[in-house]
Amino acid sequence: MNVTAHEHRPLAEHFAGRGGLRGAERFAHGAWRRLVTGAPVLEDAIAAFDCRVMETMEWGTHTVFIGAVAATHAADPARPALVYRAGAFHAAG
């Protein structure tokens, strides 16, 4: 899981399906690396958590994943985080 910064909005738009990119095509944008589990994490994310899935639960139309943290990565945590609320992206803080 990545905690993205406000400047990652274009990347968040790609992962939200805007612009027509699907699947692995979305990873062509941004700088990615792999941590312990092999899952991709964003190199310049405010923080990234590499987790092993411990449990999944169906909740309405969503699947909730419970994970155990295997590794973390942080880059400049002072930047404002990108949040999505009320149908739009915003800078936290």
PDB file of N, CA and C in Angstrom:
ATOM      1  N   MET A   1       0.829  -1.151   0.000  1.00  0.00           N
ATOM      2  CA  MET A   1       0.000   0.000   0.000  1.00  0.00           C
ATOM      3  C   MET A   1       0.894   1.241   0.000  1.00  0.00           C
ATOM      4  N   ASN A   2       0.494   2.213  -0.791  1.00  0.00           N
ATOM      5  CA  ASN A   2       1.250   3.457  -0.885  1.00  0.00           C
ATOM      6  C   ASN A   2       0.454   4.605  -0.290  1.00  0.00           C
ATOM      7  N   VAL A   3       1.125   5.456   0.483  1.00  0.00           N
ATOM      8  CA  VAL A   3       0.546   6.720   0.933  1.00  0.00           C
ATOM      9  C   VAL A   3       1.107   7.755  -0.034  1.00  0.00           C
ATOM     10  N   THR A   4       0.267   8.208  -0.946  1.00  0.00           N
ATOM     11  CA  THR A   4       0.737   9.098  -1.997  1.00  0.00           C
ATOM     12  C   THR A   4       0.706  10.554  -1.559  1.00  0.00           C
ATOM     13  N   ALA A   5       1.560  11.339  -2.192  1.00  0.00           N
ATOM     14  CA  ALA A   5       1.627  12.774  -1.948  1.00  0.00           C
ATOM     15  C   ALA A   5       0.707  13.494  -2.933  1.00  0.00           C
ATOM     16  N   HIS A   6       0.403  14.743  -2.611  1.00  0.00           N
ATOM     17  CA  HIS A   6      -0.512  15.513  -3.453  1.00  0.00           C
ATOM     18  C   HIS A   6      -0.049  15.555  -4.916  1.00  0.00           C
ATOM     19  N   GLU A   7       1.252  15.594  -5.142  1.00  0.00           N
ATOM     20  CA  GLU A   7       1.741  15.656  -6.531  1.00  0.00           C
ATOM     21  C   GLU A   7       1.548  14.350  -7.303  1.00  0.00           C
ATOM     22  N   HIS A   8       1.099  13.289  -6.640  1.00  0.00           N
ATOM     23  CA  HIS A   8       0.834  12.007  -7.305  1.00  0.00           C
ATOM     24  C   HIS A   8      -0.571  11.932  -7.905  1.00  0.00           C
ATOM     25  N   ARG A   9      -1.273  13.037  -7.919  1.00  0.00           N
ATOM     26  CA  ARG A   9      -2.645  13.013  -8.433  1.00  0.00           C
ATOM     27  C   ARG A   9      -2.755  12.403  -9.833  1.00  0.00           C
ATOM     28  N   PRO A  10      -1.901  12.761 -10.802  1.00  0.00           N
ATOM     29  CA  PRO A  10      -2.030  12.131 -12.124  1.00  0.00           C
ATOM     30  C   PRO A  10      -1.902  10.601 -12.052  1.00  0.00           C
ATOM     31  N   LEU A  11      -1.021  10.112 -11.214  1.00  0.00           N
ATOM     32  CA  LEU A  11      -0.864   8.673 -11.050  1.00  0.00           C
ATOM     33  C   LEU A  11      -2.129   8.064 -10.431  1.00  0.00           C
ATOM     34  N   ALA A  12      -2.695   8.737  -9.436  1.00  0.00           N
ATOM     35  CA  ALA A  12      -3.933   8.264  -8.816  1.00  0.00           C
ATOM     36  C   ALA A  12      -5.064   8.213  -9.842  1.00  0.00           C
ATOM     37  N   GLU A  13      -5.105   9.188 -10.731  1.00  0.00           N
ATOM     38  CA  GLU A  13      -6.119   9.199 -11.795  1.00  0.00           C
ATOM     39  C   GLU A  13      -5.967   7.963 -12.685  1.00  0.00           C
ATOM     40  N   HIS A  14      -4.726   7.589 -13.022  1.00  0.00           N
ATOM     41  CA  HIS A  14      -4.490   6.382 -13.825  1.00  0.00           C
ATOM     42  C   HIS A  14      -5.018   5.144 -13.110  1.00  0.00           C
ATOM     43  N   PHE A  15      -4.709   5.022 -11.820  1.00  0.00           N
ATOM     44  CA  PHE A  15      -5.129   3.844 -11.069  1.00  0.00           C
ATOM     45  C   PHE A  15      -6.627   3.834 -10.805  1.00  0.00           C
ATOM     46  N   ALA A  16      -7.274   4.993 -10.889  1.00  0.00           N
ATOM     47  CA  ALA A  16      -8.723   5.067 -10.743  1.00  0.00           C
ATOM     48  C   ALA A  16      -9.439   4.685 -12.042  1.00  0.00           C
ATOM     49  N   GLY A  17      -8.670   4.419 -13.094  1.00  0.00           N
ATOM     50  CA  GLY A  17      -9.257   4.010 -14.363  1.00  0.00           C
ATOM     51  C   GLY A  17      -9.550   5.151 -15.313  1.00  0.00           C
ATOM     52  N   ARG A  18      -9.200   6.360 -14.924  1.00  0.00           N
ATOM     53  CA  ARG A  18      -9.415   7.504 -15.802  1.00  0.00           C
ATOM     54  C   ARG A  18      -8.282   7.549 -16.813  1.00  0.00           C
ATOM     55  N   GLY A  19      -8.602   7.788 -18.048  1.00  0.00           N
ATOM     56  CA  GLY A  19      -7.583   7.827 -19.081  1.00  0.00           C
ATOM     57  C   GLY A  19      -7.450   6.510 -19.827  1.00  0.00           C
ATOM     58  N   GLY A  20      -8.208   5.502 -19.419  1.00  0.00           N
ATOM     59  CA  GLY A  20      -8.260   4.259 -20.176  1.00  0.00           C
ATOM     60  C   GLY A  20      -7.181   3.226 -19.896  1.00  0.00           C
ATOM     61  N   LEU A  21      -6.249   3.506 -18.996  1.00  0.00           N
ATOM     62  CA  LEU A  21      -5.214   2.513 -18.695  1.00  0.00           C
ATOM     63  C   LEU A  21      -5.789   1.430 -17.793  1.00  0.00           C
ATOM     64  N   ARG A  22      -5.381   0.185 -18.055  1.00  0.00           N
ATOM     65  CA  ARG A  22      -5.877  -0.945 -17.273  1.00  0.00           C
ATOM     66  C   ARG A  22      -4.710  -1.844 -16.882  1.00  0.00           C
ATOM     67  N   GLY A  23      -4.888  -2.589 -15.814  1.00  0.00           N
ATOM     68  CA  GLY A  23      -3.927  -3.611 -15.414  1.00  0.00           C
ATOM     69  C   GLY A  23      -2.506  -3.092 -15.307  1.00  0.00           C
ATOM     70  N   ALA A  24      -1.583  -3.863 -15.860  1.00  0.00           N
ATOM     71  CA  ALA A  24      -0.153  -3.543 -15.770  1.00  0.00           C
ATOM     72  C   ALA A  24       0.218  -2.237 -16.469  1.00  0.00           C
ATOM     73  N   GLU A  25      -0.600  -1.774 -17.421  1.00  0.00           N
ATOM     74  CA  GLU A  25      -0.315  -0.505 -18.111  1.00  0.00           C
ATOM     75  C   GLU A  25      -0.170   0.654 -17.125  1.00  0.00           C
ATOM     76  N   ARG A  26      -0.894   0.588 -16.004  1.00  0.00           N
ATOM     77  CA  ARG A  26      -0.865   1.690 -15.022  1.00  0.00           C
ATOM     78  C   ARG A  26       0.507   1.837 -14.383  1.00  0.00           C
ATOM     79  N   PHE A  27       1.278   0.751 -14.319  1.00  0.00           N
ATOM     80  CA  PHE A  27       2.597   0.800 -13.691  1.00  0.00           C
ATOM     81  C   PHE A  27       3.671   1.400 -14.611  1.00  0.00           C
ATOM     82  N   ALA A  28       3.300   1.752 -15.840  1.00  0.00           N
ATOM     83  CA  ALA A  28       4.237   2.417 -16.751  1.00  0.00           C
ATOM     84  C   ALA A  28       4.486   3.858 -16.298  1.00  0.00           C
ATOM     85  N   HIS A  29       3.651   4.356 -15.419  1.00  0.00           N
ATOM     86  CA  HIS A  29       3.780   5.711 -14.885  1.00  0.00           C
ATOM     87  C   HIS A  29       4.301   5.626 -13.463  1.00  0.00           C
ATOM     88  N   GLY A  30       5.200   6.514 -13.094  1.00  0.00           N
ATOM     89  CA  GLY A  30       5.767   6.503 -11.749  1.00  0.00           C
ATOM     90  C   GLY A  30       7.008   5.623 -11.676  1.00  0.00           C
ATOM     91  N   ALA A  31       7.735   5.752 -10.589  1.00  0.00           N
ATOM     92  CA  ALA A  31       8.944   4.956 -10.352  1.00  0.00           C
ATOM     93  C   ALA A  31       8.602   3.911  -9.290  1.00  0.00           C
ATOM     94  N   TRP A  32       8.733   2.654  -9.634  1.00  0.00           N
ATOM     95  CA  TRP A  32       8.322   1.557  -8.765  1.00  0.00           C
ATOM     96  C   TRP A  32       9.517   0.718  -8.347  1.00  0.00           C
ATOM     97  N   ARG A  33       9.407   0.107  -7.178  1.00  0.00           N
ATOM     98  CA  ARG A  33      10.395  -0.861  -6.719  1.00  0.00           C
ATOM     99  C   ARG A  33       9.653  -1.961  -5.982  1.00  0.00           C
ATOM    100  N   ARG A  34      10.341  -3.020  -5.685  1.00  0.00           N
ATOM    101  CA  ARG A  34       9.722  -4.139  -4.971  1.00  0.00           C
ATOM    102  C   ARG A  34      10.392  -4.291  -3.614  1.00  0.00           C
ATOM    103  N   LEU A  35       9.579  -4.582  -2.622  1.00  0.00           N
ATOM    104  CA  LEU A  35      10.103  -4.811  -1.280  1.00  0.00           C
ATOM    105  C   LEU A  35      10.075  -6.316  -0.994  1.00  0.00           C
ATOM    106  N   VAL A  36       9.913  -6.716   0.229  1.00  0.00           N
ATOM    107  CA  VAL A  36      10.052  -8.101   0.673  1.00  0.00           C
ATOM    108  C   VAL A  36       9.138  -9.083  -0.057  1.00  0.00           C
ATOM    109  N   THR A  37       7.860  -8.754  -0.188  1.00  0.00           N
ATOM    110  CA  THR A  37       6.909  -9.705  -0.778  1.00  0.00           C
ATOM    111  C   THR A  37       6.951  -9.712  -2.304  1.00  0.00           C
ATOM    112  N   GLY A  38       7.622  -8.744  -2.893  1.00  0.00           N
ATOM    113  CA  GLY A  38       7.658  -8.632  -4.346  1.00  0.00           C
ATOM    114  C   GLY A  38       6.587  -7.712  -4.907  1.00  0.00           C
ATOM    115  N   ALA A  39       5.717  -7.214  -4.042  1.00  0.00           N
ATOM    116  CA  ALA A  39       4.674  -6.291  -4.495  1.00  0.00           C
ATOM    117  C   ALA A  39       5.302  -4.954  -4.858  1.00  0.00           C
ATOM    118  N   PRO A  40       4.799  -4.290  -5.902  1.00  0.00           N
ATOM    119  CA  PRO A  40       5.365  -2.992  -6.279  1.00  0.00           C
ATOM    120  C   PRO A  40       4.950  -1.890  -5.308  1.00  0.00           C
ATOM    121  N   VAL A  41       5.909  -1.032  -4.965  1.00  0.00           N
ATOM    122  CA  VAL A  41       5.634   0.159  -4.155  1.00  0.00           C
ATOM    123  C   VAL A  41       6.239   1.364  -4.866  1.00  0.00           C
ATOM    124  N   LEU A  42       5.614   2.494  -4.688  1.00  0.00           N
ATOM    125  CA  LEU A  42       6.041   3.731  -5.326  1.00  0.00           C
ATOM    126  C   LEU A  42       7.272   4.277  -4.608  1.00  0.00           C
ATOM    127  N   GLU A  43       8.363   4.472  -5.349  1.00  0.00           N
ATOM    128  CA  GLU A  43       9.630   4.916  -4.743  1.00  0.00           C
ATOM    129  C   GLU A  43       9.515   6.228  -3.989  1.00  0.00           C
ATOM    130  N   ASP A  44       8.758   7.186  -4.533  1.00  0.00           N
ATOM    131  CA  ASP A  44       8.686   8.493  -3.888  1.00  0.00           C
ATOM    132  C   ASP A  44       7.378   8.716  -3.135  1.00  0.00           C
ATOM    133  N   ALA A  45       6.716   7.619  -2.746  1.00  0.00           N
ATOM    134  CA  ALA A  45       5.523   7.737  -1.906  1.00  0.00           C
ATOM    135  C   ALA A  45       5.923   8.304  -0.551  1.00  0.00           C
ATOM    136  N   ILE A  46       5.002   8.984   0.098  1.00  0.00           N
ATOM    137  CA  ILE A  46       5.270   9.471   1.444  1.00  0.00           C
ATOM    138  C   ILE A  46       5.660   8.283   2.320  1.00  0.00           C
ATOM    139  N   ALA A  47       4.916   7.206   2.179  1.00  0.00           N
ATOM    140  CA  ALA A  47       5.225   5.957   2.879  1.00  0.00           C
ATOM    141  C   ALA A  47       4.641   4.806   2.067  1.00  0.00           C
ATOM    142  N   ALA A  48       5.230   3.629   2.217  1.00  0.00           N
ATOM    143  CA  ALA A  48       4.706   2.434   1.573  1.00  0.00           C
ATOM    144  C   ALA A  48       4.786   1.286   2.568  1.00  0.00           C
ATOM    145  N   PHE A  49       3.754   0.463   2.558  1.00  0.00           N
ATOM    146  CA  PHE A  49       3.692  -0.692   3.434  1.00  0.00           C
ATOM    147  C   PHE A  49       3.601  -1.939   2.569  1.00  0.00           C
ATOM    148  N   ASP A  50       4.518  -2.829   2.738  1.00  0.00           N
ATOM    149  CA  ASP A  50       4.545  -4.095   2.011  1.00  0.00           C
ATOM    150  C   ASP A  50       3.966  -5.144   2.954  1.00  0.00           C
ATOM    151  N   CYS A  51       2.827  -5.707   2.585  1.00  0.00           N
ATOM    152  CA  CYS A  51       2.105  -6.596   3.503  1.00  0.00           C
ATOM    153  C   CYS A  51       1.865  -7.975   2.897  1.00  0.00           C
ATOM    154  N   ARG A  52       1.756  -8.940   3.786  1.00  0.00           N
ATOM    155  CA  ARG A  52       1.307 -10.276   3.419  1.00  0.00           C
ATOM    156  C   ARG A  52      -0.183 -10.347   3.775  1.00  0.00           C
ATOM    157  N   VAL A  53      -0.996 -10.785   2.838  1.00  0.00           N
ATOM    158  CA  VAL A  53      -2.437 -10.868   3.083  1.00  0.00           C
ATOM    159  C   VAL A  53      -2.698 -11.979   4.097  1.00  0.00           C
ATOM    160  N   MET A  54      -3.380 -11.611   5.183  1.00  0.00           N
ATOM    161  CA  MET A  54      -3.699 -12.563   6.247  1.00  0.00           C
ATOM    162  C   MET A  54      -5.160 -13.018   6.176  1.00  0.00           C
ATOM    163  N   GLU A  55      -6.020 -12.119   5.687  1.00  0.00           N
ATOM    164  CA  GLU A  55      -7.443 -12.423   5.651  1.00  0.00           C
ATOM    165  C   GLU A  55      -8.132 -11.507   4.645  1.00  0.00           C
ATOM    166  N   THR A  56      -9.188 -11.979   4.045  1.00  0.00           N
ATOM    167  CA  THR A  56     -10.026 -11.142   3.184  1.00  0.00           C
ATOM    168  C   THR A  56     -11.470 -11.263   3.658  1.00  0.00           C
ATOM    169  N   MET A  57     -12.211 -10.176   3.512  1.00  0.00           N
ATOM    170  CA  MET A  57     -13.622 -10.156   3.898  1.00  0.00           C
ATOM    171  C   MET A  57     -14.406  -9.420   2.818  1.00  0.00           C
ATOM    172  N   GLU A  58     -15.548  -9.961   2.475  1.00  0.00           N
ATOM    173  CA  GLU A  58     -16.446  -9.281   1.538  1.00  0.00           C
ATOM    174  C   GLU A  58     -17.284  -8.288   2.330  1.00  0.00           C
ATOM    175  N   TRP A  59     -17.355  -7.056   1.847  1.00  0.00           N
ATOM    176  CA  TRP A  59     -18.122  -6.007   2.511  1.00  0.00           C
ATOM    177  C   TRP A  59     -18.890  -5.259   1.429  1.00  0.00           C
ATOM    178  N   GLY A  60     -20.129  -5.614   1.255  1.00  0.00           N
ATOM    179  CA  GLY A  60     -20.942  -5.000   0.200  1.00  0.00           C
ATOM    180  C   GLY A  60     -20.346  -5.320  -1.166  1.00  0.00           C
ATOM    181  N   THR A  61     -19.996  -4.281  -1.913  1.00  0.00           N
ATOM    182  CA  THR A  61     -19.405  -4.466  -3.244  1.00  0.00           C
ATOM    183  C   THR A  61     -17.886  -4.473  -3.218  1.00  0.00           C
ATOM    184  N   HIS A  62     -17.279  -4.485  -2.014  1.00  0.00           N
ATOM    185  CA  HIS A  62     -15.827  -4.393  -1.866  1.00  0.00           C
ATOM    186  C   HIS A  62     -15.261  -5.633  -1.193  1.00  0.00           C
ATOM    187  N   THR A  63     -13.971  -5.816  -1.362  1.00  0.00           N
ATOM    188  CA  THR A  63     -13.237  -6.820  -0.616  1.00  0.00           C
ATOM    189  C   THR A  63     -12.251  -6.094   0.283  1.00  0.00           C
ATOM    190  N   VAL A  64     -12.266  -6.400   1.569  1.00  0.00           N
ATOM    191  CA  VAL A  64     -11.366  -5.798   2.549  1.00  0.00           C
ATOM    192  C   VAL A  64     -10.233  -6.782   2.799  1.00  0.00           C
ATOM    193  N   PHE A  65      -8.993  -6.300   2.679  1.00  0.00           N
ATOM    194  CA  PHE A  65      -7.822  -7.131   2.893  1.00  0.00           C
ATOM    195  C   PHE A  65      -7.183  -6.756   4.222  1.00  0.00           C
ATOM    196  N   ILE A  66      -6.916  -7.750   5.058  1.00  0.00           N
ATOM    197  CA  ILE A  66      -6.198  -7.554   6.315  1.00  0.00           C
ATOM    198  C   ILE A  66      -4.793  -8.089   6.092  1.00  0.00           C
ATOM    199  N   GLY A  67      -3.783  -7.267   6.371  1.00  0.00           N
ATOM    200  CA  GLY A  67      -2.411  -7.672   6.085  1.00  0.00           C
ATOM    201  C   GLY A  67      -1.491  -7.526   7.276  1.00  0.00           C
ATOM    202  N   ALA A  68      -0.428  -8.293   7.252  1.00  0.00           N
ATOM    203  CA  ALA A  68       0.651  -8.176   8.230  1.00  0.00           C
ATOM    204  C   ALA A  68       1.801  -7.469   7.524  1.00  0.00           C
ATOM    205  N   VAL A  69       2.291  -6.388   8.103  1.00  0.00           N
ATOM    206  CA  VAL A  69       3.353  -5.601   7.485  1.00  0.00           C
ATOM    207  C   VAL A  69       4.655  -6.400   7.474  1.00  0.00           C
ATOM    208  N   ALA A  70       5.231  -6.550   6.269  1.00  0.00           N
ATOM    209  CA  ALA A  70       6.501  -7.260   6.110  1.00  0.00           C
ATOM    210  C   ALA A  70       7.666  -6.295   5.956  1.00  0.00           C
ATOM    211  N   ALA A  71       7.398  -5.092   5.422  1.00  0.00           N
ATOM    212  CA  ALA A  71       8.444  -4.089   5.226  1.00  0.00           C
ATOM    213  C   ALA A  71       7.787  -2.729   5.032  1.00  0.00           C
ATOM    214  N   THR A  72       8.558  -1.669   5.261  1.00  0.00           N
ATOM    215  CA  THR A  72       8.078  -0.312   5.040  1.00  0.00           C
ATOM    216  C   THR A  72       9.133   0.484   4.271  1.00  0.00           C
ATOM    217  N   HIS A  73       8.684   1.570   3.677  1.00  0.00           N
ATOM    218  CA  HIS A  73       9.570   2.474   2.944  1.00  0.00           C
ATOM    219  C   HIS A  73       8.995   3.873   3.127  1.00  0.00           C
ATOM    220  N   ALA A  74       9.840   4.866   3.349  1.00  0.00           N
ATOM    221  CA  ALA A  74       9.367   6.243   3.490  1.00  0.00           C
ATOM    222  C   ALA A  74      10.282   7.193   2.728  1.00  0.00           C
ATOM    223  N   ALA A  75       9.675   8.233   2.139  1.00  0.00           N
ATOM    224  CA  ALA A  75      10.420   9.273   1.429  1.00  0.00           C
ATOM    225  C   ALA A  75       9.761  10.609   1.726  1.00  0.00           C
ATOM    226  N   ASP A  76      10.428  11.470   2.475  1.00  0.00           N
ATOM    227  CA  ASP A  76       9.973  12.825   2.774  1.00  0.00           C
ATOM    228  C   ASP A  76       8.540  12.879   3.307  1.00  0.00           C
ATOM    229  N   PRO A  77       8.314  12.381   4.511  1.00  0.00           N
ATOM    230  CA  PRO A  77       6.962  12.338   5.060  1.00  0.00           C
ATOM    231  C   PRO A  77       6.349  13.698   5.376  1.00  0.00           C
ATOM    232  N   ALA A  78       7.073  14.777   5.205  1.00  0.00           N
ATOM    233  CA  ALA A  78       6.528  16.109   5.495  1.00  0.00           C
ATOM    234  C   ALA A  78       5.605  16.629   4.389  1.00  0.00           C
ATOM    235  N   ARG A  79       5.603  15.988   3.224  1.00  0.00           N
ATOM    236  CA  ARG A  79       4.754  16.463   2.121  1.00  0.00           C
ATOM    237  C   ARG A  79       3.276  16.224   2.423  1.00  0.00           C
ATOM    238  N   PRO A  80       2.386  17.075   1.891  1.00  0.00           N
ATOM    239  CA  PRO A  80       0.951  16.839   2.092  1.00  0.00           C
ATOM    240  C   PRO A  80       0.506  15.568   1.360  1.00  0.00           C
ATOM    241  N   ALA A  81      -0.301  14.769   2.027  1.00  0.00           N
ATOM    242  CA  ALA A  81      -0.812  13.531   1.437  1.00  0.00           C
ATOM    243  C   ALA A  81      -1.958  13.827   0.479  1.00  0.00           C
ATOM    244  N   LEU A  82      -2.158  12.927  -0.463  1.00  0.00           N
ATOM    245  CA  LEU A  82      -3.280  13.005  -1.392  1.00  0.00           C
ATOM    246  C   LEU A  82      -4.442  12.224  -0.788  1.00  0.00           C
ATOM    247  N   VAL A  83      -5.591  12.860  -0.665  1.00  0.00           N
ATOM    248  CA  VAL A  83      -6.786  12.189  -0.158  1.00  0.00           C
ATOM    249  C   VAL A  83      -7.911  12.344  -1.173  1.00  0.00           C
ATOM    250  N   TYR A  84      -8.827  11.386  -1.161  1.00  0.00           N
ATOM    251  CA  TYR A  84      -9.996  11.433  -2.035  1.00  0.00           C
ATOM    252  C   TYR A  84     -11.229  11.487  -1.146  1.00  0.00           C
ATOM    253  N   ARG A  85     -11.971  12.559  -1.253  1.00  0.00           N
ATOM    254  CA  ARG A  85     -13.204  12.680  -0.482  1.00  0.00           C
ATOM    255  C   ARG A  85     -14.196  13.556  -1.248  1.00  0.00           C
ATOM    256  N   ALA A  86     -15.443  13.265  -1.056  1.00  0.00           N
ATOM    257  CA  ALA A  86     -16.523  14.032  -1.689  1.00  0.00           C
ATOM    258  C   ALA A  86     -16.358  14.084  -3.214  1.00  0.00           C
ATOM    259  N   GLY A  87     -15.858  12.986  -3.785  1.00  0.00           N
ATOM    260  CA  GLY A  87     -15.770  12.883  -5.236  1.00  0.00           C
ATOM    261  C   GLY A  87     -14.620  13.620  -5.881  1.00  0.00           C
ATOM    262  N   ALA A  88     -13.618  14.040  -5.088  1.00  0.00           N
ATOM    263  CA  ALA A  88     -12.485  14.782  -5.655  1.00  0.00           C
ATOM    264  C   ALA A  88     -11.224  14.530  -4.848  1.00  0.00           C
ATOM    265  N   PHE A  89     -10.066  14.773  -5.488  1.00  0.00           N
ATOM    266  CA  PHE A  89      -8.780  14.676  -4.808  1.00  0.00           C
ATOM    267  C   PHE A  89      -8.469  15.995  -4.108  1.00  0.00           C
ATOM    268  N   HIS A  90      -7.819  15.890  -2.939  1.00  0.00           N
ATOM    269  CA  HIS A  90      -7.439  17.050  -2.146  1.00  0.00           C
ATOM    270  C   HIS A  90      -6.094  16.803  -1.493  1.00  0.00           C
ATOM    271  N   ALA A  91      -5.417  17.874  -1.111  1.00  0.00           N
ATOM    272  CA  ALA A  91      -4.191  17.762  -0.298  1.00  0.00           C
ATOM    273  C   ALA A  91      -4.612  17.744   1.156  1.00  0.00           C
ATOM    274  N   ALA A  92      -4.096  16.769   1.906  1.00  0.00           N
ATOM    275  CA  ALA A  92      -4.386  16.692   3.339  1.00  0.00           C
ATOM    276  C   ALA A  92      -3.548  17.722   4.070  1.00  0.00           C
ATOM    277  N   GLY A  93      -4.065  18.189   5.142  1.00  0.00           N
ATOM    278  CA  GLY A  93      -3.285  19.098   5.969  1.00  0.00           C
ATOM    279  C   GLY A  93      -3.796  20.428   5.955  1.00  0.00           C
TER     280      GLY A  93
END
